[in-house]
């Protein structure tokens, strides 16, 4: 058991982090298991949604540094490979199209007046006597 106050706090913080990490790992495992069962049942629609959820759980774990980014990429590739091997064509998990930007305003329509930089006040001379 630690004696120093900072060491005691490290133990408390490490316990909290371990609990948080185990929850994240558990969500990955359950998402992958749900995908595997949907894939084995042959339900392609359910398998694609389960794949999307599993990939999301893996990405969140990688973002939280629970999984290494390369391992996360490898896991996601394995899931897609399993899906293709089962004969289910994975639909593109395309992200939403970026929103169109509003039309740029015509700069010639409005003259822009540039502000001149503020001038710093002159430094005051200190009145020192030399005697």
N, C-alpha and C. Protein backbone atom coordinates (compact mmCIF):
# COMPACT_ATOMS: atom_id res chain seq x y z
N UNK A 1 0.85 -1.18 0.00
CA UNK A 1 0.00 0.00 0.00
C UNK A 1 0.89 1.24 0.00
N UNK A 2 0.60 2.19 -0.91
CA UNK A 2 1.43 3.38 -0.96
C UNK A 2 1.25 4.26 0.28
N UNK A 3 2.32 4.96 0.61
CA UNK A 3 2.31 5.84 1.77
C UNK A 3 2.17 7.29 1.33
N UNK A 4 2.84 7.64 0.25
CA UNK A 4 2.85 9.02 -0.23
C UNK A 4 1.50 9.38 -0.85
N UNK A 5 1.07 10.61 -0.63
CA UNK A 5 -0.25 11.06 -1.07
C UNK A 5 -0.41 10.95 -2.59
N UNK A 6 0.61 11.34 -3.34
CA UNK A 6 0.50 11.30 -4.80
C UNK A 6 0.42 9.85 -5.30
N UNK A 7 1.09 8.94 -4.60
CA UNK A 7 1.03 7.53 -4.99
C UNK A 7 -0.36 6.96 -4.71
N UNK A 8 -0.98 7.40 -3.62
CA UNK A 8 -2.34 6.97 -3.30
C UNK A 8 -3.30 7.43 -4.38
N UNK A 9 -3.11 8.67 -4.83
CA UNK A 9 -3.97 9.21 -5.88
C UNK A 9 -3.78 8.45 -7.18
N UNK A 10 -2.54 8.08 -7.51
CA UNK A 10 -2.27 7.32 -8.73
C UNK A 10 -3.03 6.00 -8.72
N UNK A 11 -3.11 5.37 -7.53
CA UNK A 11 -3.83 4.10 -7.41
C UNK A 11 -5.32 4.32 -7.71
N UNK A 12 -5.88 5.40 -7.16
CA UNK A 12 -7.30 5.69 -7.40
C UNK A 12 -7.56 5.99 -8.88
N UNK A 13 -6.69 6.79 -9.48
CA UNK A 13 -6.86 7.16 -10.88
C UNK A 13 -6.71 5.93 -11.78
N UNK A 14 -5.75 5.07 -11.45
CA UNK A 14 -5.52 3.87 -12.26
C UNK A 14 -6.72 2.92 -12.18
N UNK A 15 -7.35 2.83 -11.02
CA UNK A 15 -8.54 1.99 -10.88
C UNK A 15 -9.68 2.50 -11.77
N UNK A 16 -9.88 3.82 -11.75
CA UNK A 16 -10.94 4.40 -12.58
C UNK A 16 -10.67 4.15 -14.06
N UNK A 17 -9.41 4.32 -14.46
CA UNK A 17 -9.06 4.11 -15.87
C UNK A 17 -9.23 2.66 -16.27
N UNK A 18 -8.88 1.74 -15.36
CA UNK A 18 -9.03 0.32 -15.66
C UNK A 18 -10.50 -0.05 -15.86
N UNK A 19 -11.37 0.51 -15.04
CA UNK A 19 -12.80 0.25 -15.18
C UNK A 19 -13.31 0.81 -16.51
N UNK A 20 -12.89 2.03 -16.84
CA UNK A 20 -13.30 2.66 -18.09
C UNK A 20 -12.82 1.86 -19.29
N UNK A 21 -11.57 1.42 -19.24
CA UNK A 21 -11.00 0.65 -20.35
C UNK A 21 -11.69 -0.70 -20.50
N UNK A 22 -12.03 -1.33 -19.38
CA UNK A 22 -12.68 -2.64 -19.47
C UNK A 22 -14.08 -2.50 -20.07
N UNK A 23 -14.77 -1.40 -19.79
CA UNK A 23 -16.08 -1.18 -20.40
C UNK A 23 -15.94 -1.01 -21.91
N UNK A 24 -14.93 -0.28 -22.33
CA UNK A 24 -14.71 -0.07 -23.75
C UNK A 24 -14.37 -1.39 -24.45
N UNK A 25 -13.51 -2.18 -23.82
CA UNK A 25 -13.15 -3.49 -24.40
C UNK A 25 -14.37 -4.40 -24.47
N UNK A 26 -15.20 -4.35 -23.44
CA UNK A 26 -16.40 -5.18 -23.41
C UNK A 26 -17.35 -4.79 -24.55
N UNK A 27 -17.48 -3.48 -24.82
CA UNK A 27 -18.37 -3.03 -25.89
C UNK A 27 -17.84 -3.50 -27.26
N UNK A 28 -16.52 -3.52 -27.43
CA UNK A 28 -15.94 -4.02 -28.68
C UNK A 28 -16.28 -5.49 -28.85
N UNK A 29 -16.05 -6.27 -27.79
CA UNK A 29 -16.28 -7.71 -27.87
C UNK A 29 -17.75 -8.03 -28.15
N UNK A 30 -18.65 -7.31 -27.50
CA UNK A 30 -20.08 -7.58 -27.71
C UNK A 30 -20.50 -7.17 -29.12
N UNK A 31 -19.95 -6.07 -29.64
CA UNK A 31 -20.29 -5.63 -30.99
C UNK A 31 -19.78 -6.62 -32.03
N UNK A 32 -18.58 -7.13 -31.83
CA UNK A 32 -18.02 -8.11 -32.76
C UNK A 32 -18.81 -9.41 -32.70
N UNK A 33 -19.19 -9.80 -31.50
CA UNK A 33 -19.96 -11.03 -31.34
C UNK A 33 -21.34 -10.89 -32.01
N UNK A 34 -21.96 -9.74 -31.88
CA UNK A 34 -23.25 -9.50 -32.53
C UNK A 34 -23.10 -9.56 -34.04
N UNK A 35 -22.00 -9.03 -34.54
CA UNK A 35 -21.74 -9.09 -35.99
C UNK A 35 -21.56 -10.54 -36.45
N UNK A 36 -20.80 -11.32 -35.68
CA UNK A 36 -20.55 -12.71 -36.06
C UNK A 36 -21.85 -13.52 -36.08
N UNK A 37 -22.73 -13.29 -35.09
CA UNK A 37 -23.99 -14.04 -35.06
C UNK A 37 -24.90 -13.62 -36.20
N UNK A 38 -24.93 -12.33 -36.52
CA UNK A 38 -25.75 -11.86 -37.64
C UNK A 38 -25.22 -12.42 -38.95
N UNK A 39 -23.91 -12.55 -39.05
CA UNK A 39 -23.28 -13.07 -40.26
C UNK A 39 -23.57 -14.56 -40.41
N UNK A 40 -23.52 -15.28 -39.31
CA UNK A 40 -23.76 -16.73 -39.37
C UNK A 40 -25.23 -17.04 -39.65
N UNK A 41 -26.14 -16.16 -39.25
CA UNK A 41 -27.56 -16.35 -39.52
C UNK A 41 -27.90 -16.06 -40.97
N UNK A 42 -27.02 -15.34 -41.68
CA UNK A 42 -27.25 -15.06 -43.08
C UNK A 42 -28.10 -13.83 -43.33
N UNK A 43 -28.37 -13.07 -42.30
CA UNK A 43 -29.17 -11.86 -42.44
C UNK A 43 -28.23 -10.72 -42.86
N UNK A 44 -28.28 -10.38 -44.15
CA UNK A 44 -27.31 -9.40 -44.67
C UNK A 44 -27.59 -7.99 -44.15
N UNK A 45 -28.85 -7.63 -44.01
CA UNK A 45 -29.17 -6.28 -43.53
C UNK A 45 -28.71 -6.11 -42.09
N UNK A 46 -28.97 -7.13 -41.28
CA UNK A 46 -28.56 -7.07 -39.88
C UNK A 46 -27.04 -7.10 -39.76
N UNK A 47 -26.40 -7.86 -40.66
CA UNK A 47 -24.94 -7.97 -40.62
C UNK A 47 -24.28 -6.63 -40.96
N UNK A 48 -24.85 -5.90 -41.92
CA UNK A 48 -24.24 -4.62 -42.29
C UNK A 48 -24.37 -3.60 -41.17
N UNK A 49 -25.54 -3.59 -40.48
CA UNK A 49 -25.68 -2.66 -39.36
C UNK A 49 -24.79 -3.07 -38.20
N UNK A 50 -24.64 -4.38 -37.99
CA UNK A 50 -23.77 -4.85 -36.92
C UNK A 50 -22.31 -4.54 -37.24
N UNK A 51 -21.96 -4.63 -38.53
CA UNK A 51 -20.59 -4.28 -38.96
C UNK A 51 -20.32 -2.81 -38.67
N UNK A 52 -21.28 -1.96 -39.01
CA UNK A 52 -21.12 -0.53 -38.79
C UNK A 52 -20.95 -0.22 -37.30
N UNK A 53 -21.74 -0.90 -36.45
CA UNK A 53 -21.63 -0.68 -35.01
C UNK A 53 -20.31 -1.20 -34.46
N UNK A 54 -19.84 -2.33 -34.99
CA UNK A 54 -18.57 -2.89 -34.53
C UNK A 54 -17.41 -1.97 -34.93
N UNK A 55 -17.47 -1.46 -36.14
CA UNK A 55 -16.42 -0.54 -36.58
C UNK A 55 -16.42 0.73 -35.75
N UNK A 56 -17.60 1.20 -35.39
CA UNK A 56 -17.71 2.39 -34.56
C UNK A 56 -17.11 2.14 -33.17
N UNK A 57 -17.41 0.99 -32.59
CA UNK A 57 -16.87 0.66 -31.27
C UNK A 57 -15.35 0.55 -31.32
N UNK A 58 -14.83 -0.02 -32.40
CA UNK A 58 -13.38 -0.16 -32.54
C UNK A 58 -12.74 1.22 -32.70
N UNK A 59 -13.37 2.08 -33.49
CA UNK A 59 -12.83 3.43 -33.67
C UNK A 59 -12.81 4.22 -32.37
N UNK A 60 -13.87 4.08 -31.57
CA UNK A 60 -13.91 4.78 -30.29
C UNK A 60 -12.82 4.29 -29.36
N UNK A 61 -12.57 2.98 -29.37
CA UNK A 61 -11.52 2.43 -28.51
C UNK A 61 -10.14 2.93 -28.96
N UNK A 62 -9.95 3.03 -30.26
CA UNK A 62 -8.67 3.53 -30.77
C UNK A 62 -8.50 5.00 -30.42
N UNK A 63 -9.59 5.74 -30.46
CA UNK A 63 -9.53 7.16 -30.12
C UNK A 63 -9.18 7.37 -28.66
N UNK A 64 -9.66 6.47 -27.80
CA UNK A 64 -9.39 6.57 -26.37
C UNK A 64 -8.08 5.91 -25.97
N UNK A 65 -7.33 5.43 -26.96
CA UNK A 65 -6.04 4.74 -26.74
C UNK A 65 -6.19 3.45 -25.96
N UNK A 66 -7.36 2.82 -26.04
CA UNK A 66 -7.53 1.50 -25.44
C UNK A 66 -6.96 0.46 -26.39
N UNK A 67 -7.15 0.69 -27.69
CA UNK A 67 -6.58 -0.14 -28.75
C UNK A 67 -5.57 0.69 -29.52
N UNK A 68 -4.51 0.03 -29.96
CA UNK A 68 -3.56 0.71 -30.82
C UNK A 68 -4.21 0.94 -32.17
N UNK A 69 -3.86 2.03 -32.84
CA UNK A 69 -4.54 2.38 -34.08
C UNK A 69 -4.33 1.32 -35.17
N UNK A 70 -3.16 0.69 -35.18
CA UNK A 70 -2.91 -0.35 -36.18
C UNK A 70 -3.74 -1.60 -35.89
N UNK A 71 -3.89 -1.92 -34.62
CA UNK A 71 -4.71 -3.08 -34.26
C UNK A 71 -6.16 -2.81 -34.60
N UNK A 72 -6.61 -1.59 -34.39
CA UNK A 72 -7.98 -1.23 -34.72
C UNK A 72 -8.22 -1.38 -36.22
N UNK A 73 -7.27 -0.91 -37.01
CA UNK A 73 -7.40 -1.03 -38.47
C UNK A 73 -7.40 -2.49 -38.88
N UNK A 74 -6.58 -3.29 -38.25
CA UNK A 74 -6.51 -4.72 -38.55
C UNK A 74 -7.82 -5.42 -38.21
N UNK A 75 -8.40 -5.09 -37.05
CA UNK A 75 -9.67 -5.69 -36.64
C UNK A 75 -10.79 -5.34 -37.63
N UNK A 76 -10.84 -4.08 -38.03
CA UNK A 76 -11.88 -3.66 -38.97
C UNK A 76 -11.71 -4.36 -40.31
N UNK A 77 -10.49 -4.52 -40.76
CA UNK A 77 -10.23 -5.21 -42.02
C UNK A 77 -10.65 -6.69 -41.92
N UNK A 78 -10.41 -7.31 -40.75
CA UNK A 78 -10.81 -8.70 -40.56
C UNK A 78 -12.32 -8.84 -40.62
N UNK A 79 -13.04 -7.89 -40.05
CA UNK A 79 -14.50 -7.95 -40.07
C UNK A 79 -15.03 -7.87 -41.51
N UNK A 80 -14.48 -6.95 -42.28
CA UNK A 80 -14.92 -6.80 -43.67
C UNK A 80 -14.55 -8.04 -44.47
N UNK A 81 -13.37 -8.59 -44.20
CA UNK A 81 -12.94 -9.81 -44.90
C UNK A 81 -13.89 -10.97 -44.59
N UNK A 82 -14.30 -11.09 -43.32
CA UNK A 82 -15.25 -12.14 -42.94
C UNK A 82 -16.58 -11.95 -43.66
N UNK A 83 -16.99 -10.69 -43.77
CA UNK A 83 -18.26 -10.41 -44.41
C UNK A 83 -18.22 -10.78 -45.89
N UNK A 84 -17.12 -10.44 -46.55
CA UNK A 84 -16.98 -10.78 -47.97
C UNK A 84 -16.89 -12.29 -48.17
N UNK A 85 -16.20 -12.97 -47.25
CA UNK A 85 -16.06 -14.42 -47.35
C UNK A 85 -17.41 -15.12 -47.18
N UNK A 86 -18.30 -14.51 -46.40
CA UNK A 86 -19.62 -15.10 -46.19
C UNK A 86 -20.54 -14.85 -47.39
N UNK A 87 -20.10 -14.06 -48.33
CA UNK A 87 -20.90 -13.81 -49.52
C UNK A 87 -21.82 -12.62 -49.38
N UNK A 88 -21.72 -11.90 -48.30
CA UNK A 88 -22.55 -10.72 -48.11
C UNK A 88 -21.76 -9.53 -48.62
N UNK A 89 -22.38 -8.78 -49.49
CA UNK A 89 -21.69 -7.62 -50.05
C UNK A 89 -21.85 -6.46 -49.09
N UNK A 90 -20.74 -5.98 -48.51
CA UNK A 90 -20.86 -4.86 -47.56
C UNK A 90 -21.23 -3.58 -48.30
N UNK A 91 -22.25 -2.94 -47.81
CA UNK A 91 -22.61 -1.65 -48.39
C UNK A 91 -21.60 -0.63 -47.93
N UNK A 92 -21.38 0.33 -48.74
CA UNK A 92 -20.40 1.35 -48.40
C UNK A 92 -20.85 2.08 -47.14
N UNK A 93 -19.95 2.13 -46.19
CA UNK A 93 -20.26 2.87 -44.96
C UNK A 93 -19.81 4.30 -45.16
N UNK A 94 -20.37 4.89 -46.21
CA UNK A 94 -19.98 6.25 -46.57
C UNK A 94 -20.49 7.22 -45.52
N UNK A 95 -19.64 8.15 -45.22
CA UNK A 95 -20.03 9.19 -44.28
C UNK A 95 -20.91 10.19 -45.02
N UNK A 96 -21.63 10.96 -44.27
CA UNK A 96 -22.53 11.93 -44.88
C UNK A 96 -21.73 12.90 -45.74
N UNK A 97 -22.31 13.27 -46.86
CA UNK A 97 -21.64 14.19 -47.76
C UNK A 97 -21.43 15.52 -47.04
N UNK A 98 -20.29 16.12 -47.25
CA UNK A 98 -20.05 17.40 -46.57
C UNK A 98 -21.06 18.44 -47.01
N UNK A 99 -21.49 19.22 -46.07
CA UNK A 99 -22.50 20.24 -46.36
C UNK A 99 -21.91 21.28 -47.30
N UNK A 100 -22.74 21.72 -48.21
CA UNK A 100 -22.26 22.72 -49.16
C UNK A 100 -22.07 24.04 -48.44
N UNK A 101 -20.99 24.69 -48.79
CA UNK A 101 -20.71 25.98 -48.19
C UNK A 101 -21.59 27.03 -48.85
N UNK A 102 -22.01 28.03 -48.09
CA UNK A 102 -22.81 29.09 -48.71
C UNK A 102 -21.97 29.83 -49.74
N UNK A 103 -22.64 30.36 -50.72
CA UNK A 103 -21.94 31.07 -51.78
C UNK A 103 -21.12 32.21 -51.20
N UNK A 104 -19.91 32.33 -51.70
CA UNK A 104 -19.02 33.37 -51.20
C UNK A 104 -19.55 34.73 -51.64
N UNK A 105 -19.46 35.68 -50.76
CA UNK A 105 -19.93 37.03 -51.08
C UNK A 105 -18.93 37.68 -52.04
N UNK A 106 -19.46 38.51 -52.89
CA UNK A 106 -18.63 39.21 -53.86
C UNK A 106 -17.85 40.30 -53.14
N UNK A 107 -16.52 40.21 -53.12
CA UNK A 107 -15.76 41.23 -52.39
C UNK A 107 -15.86 42.61 -53.03
N UNK A 108 -16.18 42.69 -54.32
CA UNK A 108 -16.27 43.99 -54.98
C UNK A 108 -17.56 44.72 -54.58
N UNK A 109 -18.54 43.99 -54.09
CA UNK A 109 -19.81 44.60 -53.74
C UNK A 109 -19.69 45.53 -52.54
N UNK A 110 -18.86 45.17 -51.60
CA UNK A 110 -18.71 45.99 -50.40
C UNK A 110 -17.26 46.41 -50.26
N UNK A 111 -17.00 47.69 -50.22
CA UNK A 111 -15.61 48.10 -49.99
C UNK A 111 -15.23 47.81 -48.54
N UNK A 112 -14.09 47.22 -48.37
CA UNK A 112 -13.64 46.91 -47.01
C UNK A 112 -12.60 47.94 -46.60
N UNK A 113 -12.86 48.53 -45.48
CA UNK A 113 -11.93 49.52 -44.95
C UNK A 113 -11.01 48.82 -43.98
N UNK A 114 -9.72 48.92 -44.25
CA UNK A 114 -8.76 48.28 -43.36
C UNK A 114 -8.47 49.19 -42.17
N UNK A 115 -8.42 48.57 -41.02
CA UNK A 115 -8.09 49.35 -39.83
C UNK A 115 -6.58 49.50 -39.76
N UNK A 116 -6.17 50.69 -39.39
CA UNK A 116 -4.75 50.89 -39.20
C UNK A 116 -4.38 50.38 -37.82
N UNK A 117 -3.21 49.80 -37.70
CA UNK A 117 -2.82 49.28 -36.39
C UNK A 117 -2.71 50.41 -35.37
N UNK A 118 -3.13 50.15 -34.17
CA UNK A 118 -3.10 51.16 -33.12
C UNK A 118 -1.65 51.49 -32.79
N UNK A 119 -1.40 52.80 -32.64
CA UNK A 119 -0.05 53.22 -32.30
C UNK A 119 0.13 53.17 -30.81
N UNK A 120 1.29 52.72 -30.42
CA UNK A 120 1.59 52.65 -28.99
C UNK A 120 1.98 54.04 -28.51
N UNK A 121 1.55 54.40 -27.30
CA UNK A 121 1.94 55.72 -26.78
C UNK A 121 3.45 55.74 -26.52
N UNK A 122 4.00 56.90 -26.70
CA UNK A 122 5.44 57.06 -26.49
C UNK A 122 5.77 56.81 -25.01
N UNK A 123 6.91 56.17 -24.81
CA UNK A 123 7.31 55.86 -23.45
C UNK A 123 7.69 57.14 -22.72
N UNK A 124 7.27 57.25 -21.46
CA UNK A 124 7.59 58.44 -20.68
C UNK A 124 9.02 58.35 -20.21
N UNK A 125 9.69 59.49 -20.25
CA UNK A 125 11.07 59.54 -19.79
C UNK A 125 11.04 59.73 -18.29
N UNK A 126 11.87 58.97 -17.63
CA UNK A 126 11.92 59.10 -16.17
C UNK A 126 12.81 60.28 -15.80
N UNK A 127 12.37 61.04 -14.84
CA UNK A 127 13.09 62.23 -14.41
C UNK A 127 14.02 61.83 -13.26
N UNK A 128 15.23 61.53 -13.62
CA UNK A 128 16.21 61.17 -12.60
C UNK A 128 17.16 62.35 -12.38
N UNK A 129 17.44 62.56 -11.15
CA UNK A 129 18.40 63.63 -10.86
C UNK A 129 19.78 63.01 -10.79
N UNK A 130 20.75 63.71 -11.29
CA UNK A 130 22.10 63.18 -11.33
C UNK A 130 22.97 63.69 -10.18
N UNK A 131 22.41 64.40 -9.27
CA UNK A 131 23.19 64.92 -8.15
C UNK A 131 23.11 64.03 -6.98
